[in-house]
Amino acid sequence: MEEAEYRKLAEVEDRMWYFRALHRHILGALQPRLAGRTAAVLDAGCGTGGLLRRLRAEQPGLELTGLDLSPLACELARAHGSGTVVEGSITALPFPEAAFDAIVSADVLYELDDPRAALSEFHRCLRPGGWVVVNLPAYRWLWSYHDVAVRSKHRFVRREVAALFAGAGFALERCTHWNALPFPLIVAKRKLFARPSDTSDVRAYPAPVEAAFRGLMALERAWLRLGGTWAWGSSIFAVGRKPPGAGRGAPPA
């Protein structure tokens, strides 16, 4: 991302409705799978560290590590109290095999020319039976000023995500859209009412707008907790598992 986008992210990540909802989805995926044990978790592409701070606050027993390619992102994450943050690439993780019980990568893979390389590294660095949690932007047709600002290279559909997981050796346990209820507003903003001066949609919104979107996100989470899925939405959320009997390294080519 542009440096300006990292600085915007650092300012709003702990309070903007989108990141609050995304972090809740990730917590909802990790808590039941890691409950009752000390687990090592990597945030691969941690940005300015908002997810690390949320995980530390709500699951203090986790051993958390963040990694980001941007020196500025790492600096901002450390300055905001995000703990251990390492500079490096998600396509060449600077960690040994089987180092983590879970790896999260939230809104990062879309920046890569070939996300398969990152998923292969996630597989290598996960312990057998470990979990991978990924969030991605949906629909190529939704490409907009926002993607330009965050240097996106791809938007996905669910069958692509399923194929990426299978190709890397993961058993896909969940794959759903979200941001479904506000989806018409997102489409309208990005496709109908876009302005030449627009950068990304990462920003602080007025309190009534934040409250309305948080309410919609609470409804979405309630449906997901009941086991439902969303067939549409601007994001795709996927959870996969490295088979317990898998070897410690990457899957066979």
Protein backbone atom coordinates (compact mmCIF):
# COMPACT_ATOMS: atom_id res chain seq x y z
CA MET A 1 0.00 0.00 0.00
CA GLU A 2 0.94 3.64 -0.26
CA GLU A 3 2.54 5.10 2.88
CA ALA A 4 -0.43 7.43 3.27
CA GLU A 5 -2.75 4.41 3.42
CA TYR A 6 -0.73 2.85 6.24
CA ARG A 7 -0.95 6.08 8.21
CA LYS A 8 -4.72 6.21 7.66
CA LEU A 9 -4.98 2.60 8.75
CA ALA A 10 -3.05 3.27 11.95
CA GLU A 11 -5.44 6.10 12.82
CA VAL A 12 -8.73 4.23 12.37
CA GLU A 13 -8.06 0.47 12.56
CA ASP A 14 -9.04 0.13 16.23
CA ARG A 15 -12.42 1.84 15.78
CA MET A 16 -13.68 1.75 12.18
CA TRP A 17 -16.69 -0.54 11.71
CA TYR A 18 -15.06 -2.62 8.96
CA PHE A 19 -11.98 -3.61 10.98
CA ARG A 20 -14.01 -4.22 14.12
CA ALA A 21 -16.19 -6.65 12.15
CA LEU A 22 -13.23 -8.32 10.42
CA HIS A 23 -11.43 -8.84 13.71
CA ARG A 24 -14.61 -10.32 15.22
CA HIS A 25 -14.84 -12.79 12.34
CA ILE A 26 -11.22 -13.83 12.91
CA LEU A 27 -11.73 -14.17 16.66
CA GLY A 28 -14.83 -16.24 16.00
CA ALA A 29 -12.79 -18.58 13.81
CA LEU A 30 -9.82 -18.91 16.18
CA GLN A 31 -11.46 -19.10 19.60
CA PRO A 32 -13.20 -22.48 19.29
CA ARG A 33 -10.27 -24.01 17.41
CA LEU A 34 -7.55 -22.88 19.81
CA ALA A 35 -9.50 -22.89 23.06
CA GLY A 36 -7.94 -24.43 26.14
CA ARG A 37 -4.32 -24.35 25.02
CA THR A 38 -1.43 -22.01 24.48
CA ALA A 39 -1.14 -21.53 20.74
CA ALA A 40 1.32 -19.72 18.48
CA VAL A 41 -0.44 -17.46 15.97
CA LEU A 42 1.07 -15.50 13.07
CA ASP A 43 -0.64 -12.46 11.56
CA ALA A 44 0.87 -12.64 8.06
CA GLY A 45 0.63 -9.14 6.66
CA CYS A 46 -0.21 -7.51 9.99
CA GLY A 47 -0.23 -3.93 8.70
CA THR A 48 -0.29 -1.49 11.60
CA GLY A 49 -1.12 -4.21 14.13
CA GLY A 50 -4.80 -3.74 14.93
CA LEU A 51 -5.62 -7.45 14.82
CA LEU A 52 -2.66 -8.29 17.06
CA ARG A 53 -3.91 -5.80 19.64
CA ARG A 54 -7.44 -7.21 19.50
CA LEU A 55 -6.23 -10.80 19.83
CA ARG A 56 -3.99 -9.91 22.78
CA ALA A 57 -6.88 -8.18 24.55
CA GLU A 58 -9.40 -10.97 24.04
CA GLN A 59 -7.17 -14.07 24.01
CA PRO A 60 -4.21 -13.15 26.22
CA GLY A 61 -2.87 -16.72 26.28
CA LEU A 62 -1.88 -16.70 22.62
CA GLU A 63 1.74 -16.38 21.51
CA LEU A 64 1.38 -13.69 18.86
CA THR A 65 3.74 -12.70 16.05
CA GLY A 66 3.12 -10.15 13.32
CA LEU A 67 4.87 -9.91 9.97
CA ASP A 68 4.71 -7.25 7.30
CA LEU A 69 6.78 -6.33 4.26
CA SER A 70 6.50 -2.59 4.89
CA PRO A 71 9.06 -1.05 7.29
CA LEU A 72 6.58 1.75 7.98
CA ALA A 73 3.79 -0.70 8.87
CA CYS A 74 6.12 -2.56 11.22
CA GLU A 75 7.21 0.70 12.84
CA LEU A 76 3.61 1.85 13.35
CA ALA A 77 2.54 -1.55 14.69
CA ARG A 78 5.33 -1.57 17.27
CA ALA A 79 4.64 2.05 18.23
CA HIS A 80 0.97 1.18 18.86
CA GLY A 81 1.84 -1.69 21.21
CA SER A 82 1.30 -4.66 18.91
CA GLY A 83 4.13 -6.74 20.37
CA THR A 84 6.51 -8.88 18.31
CA VAL A 85 6.50 -7.67 14.70
CA VAL A 86 8.94 -8.97 12.08
CA GLU A 87 9.72 -7.38 8.73
CA GLY A 88 9.42 -9.90 5.89
CA SER A 89 7.43 -11.32 3.01
CA ILE A 90 4.49 -13.70 3.24
CA THR A 91 5.87 -15.51 0.18
CA ALA A 92 9.12 -16.31 2.01
CA LEU A 93 8.27 -16.52 5.70
CA PRO A 94 11.36 -16.13 7.92
CA PHE A 95 10.21 -18.90 10.25
CA PRO A 96 10.99 -22.63 10.51
CA GLU A 97 8.64 -25.41 9.50
CA ALA A 98 5.71 -26.16 11.81
CA ALA A 99 6.23 -23.00 13.87
CA PHE A 100 2.57 -21.97 14.30
CA ASP A 101 -0.78 -23.40 15.32
CA ALA A 102 -2.67 -20.81 13.25
CA ILE A 103 -1.85 -18.28 10.54
CA VAL A 104 -4.13 -15.37 9.72
CA SER A 105 -3.82 -13.27 6.58
CA ALA A 106 -6.44 -10.53 6.44
CA ASP A 107 -6.70 -8.53 3.21
CA VAL A 108 -3.16 -9.25 2.04
CA LEU A 109 -3.16 -11.97 -0.64
CA TYR A 110 -4.83 -9.64 -3.15
CA GLU A 111 -1.55 -7.70 -3.35
CA LEU A 112 0.35 -10.67 -4.79
CA ASP A 113 0.87 -11.70 -8.40
CA ASP A 114 0.67 -15.34 -7.31
CA PRO A 115 -1.03 -15.97 -3.94
CA ARG A 116 -0.24 -19.68 -4.22
CA ALA A 117 3.30 -18.95 -3.05
CA ALA A 118 2.00 -17.46 0.20
CA LEU A 119 -0.40 -20.35 0.85
CA SER A 120 2.44 -22.80 0.28
CA GLU A 121 4.47 -20.94 2.91
CA PHE A 122 1.52 -20.96 5.31
CA HIS A 123 1.29 -24.74 4.88
CA ARG A 124 5.03 -25.13 5.54
CA CYS A 125 4.97 -23.04 8.69
CA LEU A 126 1.83 -24.57 10.19
CA ARG A 127 1.95 -27.55 12.48
CA PRO A 128 -0.04 -30.61 11.34
CA GLY A 129 -3.65 -29.91 12.26
CA GLY A 130 -3.02 -26.14 12.22
CA TRP A 131 -5.45 -23.55 10.89
CA VAL A 132 -5.26 -20.87 8.21
CA VAL A 133 -7.74 -17.97 8.22
CA VAL A 134 -7.89 -15.67 5.20
CA ASN A 135 -9.93 -12.62 4.21
CA LEU A 136 -10.04 -11.44 0.58
CA PRO A 137 -11.87 -8.84 -1.53
CA ALA A 138 -14.62 -10.22 -3.76
CA TYR A 139 -15.61 -9.77 -7.42
CA ARG A 140 -13.36 -8.45 -10.15
CA TRP A 141 -16.25 -6.31 -11.43
CA LEU A 142 -16.15 -4.35 -8.16
CA TRP A 143 -12.67 -3.02 -8.97
CA SER A 144 -12.52 0.70 -8.12
CA TYR A 145 -10.49 3.62 -6.80
CA HIS A 146 -10.22 1.69 -3.52
CA ASP A 147 -8.24 -1.12 -5.19
CA VAL A 148 -5.93 1.39 -6.84
CA ALA A 149 -5.22 3.10 -3.51
CA VAL A 150 -4.40 -0.16 -1.70
CA ARG A 151 -2.46 -1.57 -4.68
CA SER A 152 -4.75 -4.51 -5.19
CA LYS A 153 -3.89 -6.92 -8.00
CA HIS A 154 -6.87 -9.23 -7.81
CA ARG A 155 -10.37 -9.63 -6.45
CA PHE A 156 -11.66 -13.17 -5.93
CA VAL A 157 -14.66 -15.46 -6.21
CA ARG A 158 -15.23 -18.36 -3.84
CA ARG A 159 -14.30 -21.09 -6.30
CA GLU A 160 -10.88 -19.46 -6.71
CA VAL A 161 -10.38 -19.45 -2.97
CA ALA A 162 -11.39 -23.11 -2.74
CA ALA A 163 -8.93 -23.98 -5.51
CA LEU A 164 -6.11 -22.05 -3.80
CA PHE A 165 -6.67 -23.86 -0.53
CA ALA A 166 -6.87 -27.28 -2.16
CA GLY A 167 -3.75 -26.62 -4.23
CA ALA A 168 -1.79 -25.73 -1.09
CA GLY A 169 -2.88 -28.88 0.72
CA PHE A 170 -5.53 -27.37 3.02
CA ALA A 171 -8.92 -28.86 3.81
CA LEU A 172 -11.37 -25.98 3.36
CA GLU A 173 -13.72 -25.86 6.34
CA ARG A 174 -15.55 -22.60 5.68
CA CYS A 175 -15.81 -20.14 2.81
CA THR A 176 -18.41 -17.40 2.90
CA HIS A 177 -18.97 -13.88 1.69
CA TRP A 178 -19.62 -11.13 4.22
CA ASN A 179 -20.29 -7.39 4.05
CA ALA A 180 -23.52 -8.65 2.53
CA LEU A 181 -26.10 -6.32 4.09
CA PRO A 182 -24.28 -3.07 3.19
CA PHE A 183 -23.28 -4.47 -0.20
CA PRO A 184 -25.66 -2.28 -2.28
CA LEU A 185 -24.25 0.83 -0.61
CA ILE A 186 -20.68 -0.30 -1.28
CA VAL A 187 -21.46 -0.95 -4.94
CA ALA A 188 -23.18 2.42 -5.29
CA LYS A 189 -20.28 4.29 -3.69
CA ARG A 190 -17.58 2.60 -5.73
CA LYS A 191 -19.30 2.22 -9.10
CA LEU A 192 -21.93 4.96 -9.33
CA PHE A 193 -20.74 7.83 -7.15
CA ALA A 194 -16.97 7.55 -7.35
CA ARG A 195 -15.04 10.81 -7.66
CA PRO A 196 -11.61 11.41 -9.21
CA SER A 197 -10.31 12.57 -5.83
CA ASP A 198 -11.32 9.37 -3.98
CA THR A 199 -8.58 7.33 -2.33
CA SER A 200 -9.47 4.28 -0.23
CA ASP A 201 -12.58 3.76 1.89
CA VAL A 202 -10.40 3.43 5.00
CA ARG A 203 -11.40 6.46 7.01
CA ALA A 204 -13.25 7.64 10.11
CA TYR A 205 -16.99 7.98 9.46
CA PRO A 206 -19.52 10.07 11.41
CA ALA A 207 -20.81 8.38 14.56
CA PRO A 208 -24.32 7.66 13.17
CA VAL A 209 -22.80 5.98 10.09
CA GLU A 210 -20.45 3.89 12.23
CA ALA A 211 -23.34 2.84 14.47
CA ALA A 212 -25.51 1.83 11.51
CA PHE A 213 -22.79 -0.28 9.92
CA ARG A 214 -21.90 -1.90 13.24
CA GLY A 215 -25.54 -2.89 13.61
CA LEU A 216 -25.54 -4.51 10.17
CA MET A 217 -22.34 -6.34 11.00
CA ALA A 218 -23.87 -7.66 14.24
CA LEU A 219 -26.75 -9.11 12.23
CA GLU A 220 -24.33 -10.73 9.79
CA ARG A 221 -22.29 -12.29 12.59
CA ALA A 222 -25.41 -13.67 14.24
CA TRP A 223 -26.31 -15.49 11.02
CA LEU A 224 -22.79 -16.86 10.65
CA ARG A 225 -22.74 -18.05 14.27
CA LEU A 226 -25.87 -20.07 13.52
CA GLY A 227 -23.95 -21.85 10.77
CA GLY A 228 -25.28 -19.80 7.87
CA THR A 229 -23.29 -18.40 4.96
CA TRP A 230 -23.66 -15.36 2.73
CA ALA A 231 -23.81 -15.90 -1.02
CA TRP A 232 -22.85 -12.30 -1.78
CA GLY A 233 -20.81 -9.51 -0.21
CA SER A 234 -17.70 -7.44 -0.84
CA SER A 235 -15.39 -9.78 1.12
CA ILE A 236 -14.69 -13.52 1.27
CA PHE A 237 -13.76 -15.17 4.56
CA ALA A 238 -12.22 -18.64 4.48
CA VAL A 239 -10.94 -21.08 7.09
CA GLY A 240 -8.82 -24.11 6.22
CA ARG A 241 -6.88 -26.76 8.07
CA LYS A 242 -3.58 -28.49 7.44
CA PRO A 243 -4.50 -32.18 7.78
CA PRO A 244 -3.33 -33.63 11.12
CA GLY A 245 -1.44 -36.37 9.29
CA ALA A 246 0.33 -33.99 6.91
CA GLY A 247 4.09 -33.72 6.93
CA ARG A 248 5.82 -30.71 8.36
CA GLY A 249 6.85 -29.14 5.06
CA ALA A 250 5.00 -27.84 2.01
CA PRO A 251 2.57 -30.08 0.11
CA PRO A 252 3.89 -32.07 -2.85
CA ALA A 253 4.07 -30.09 -6.09
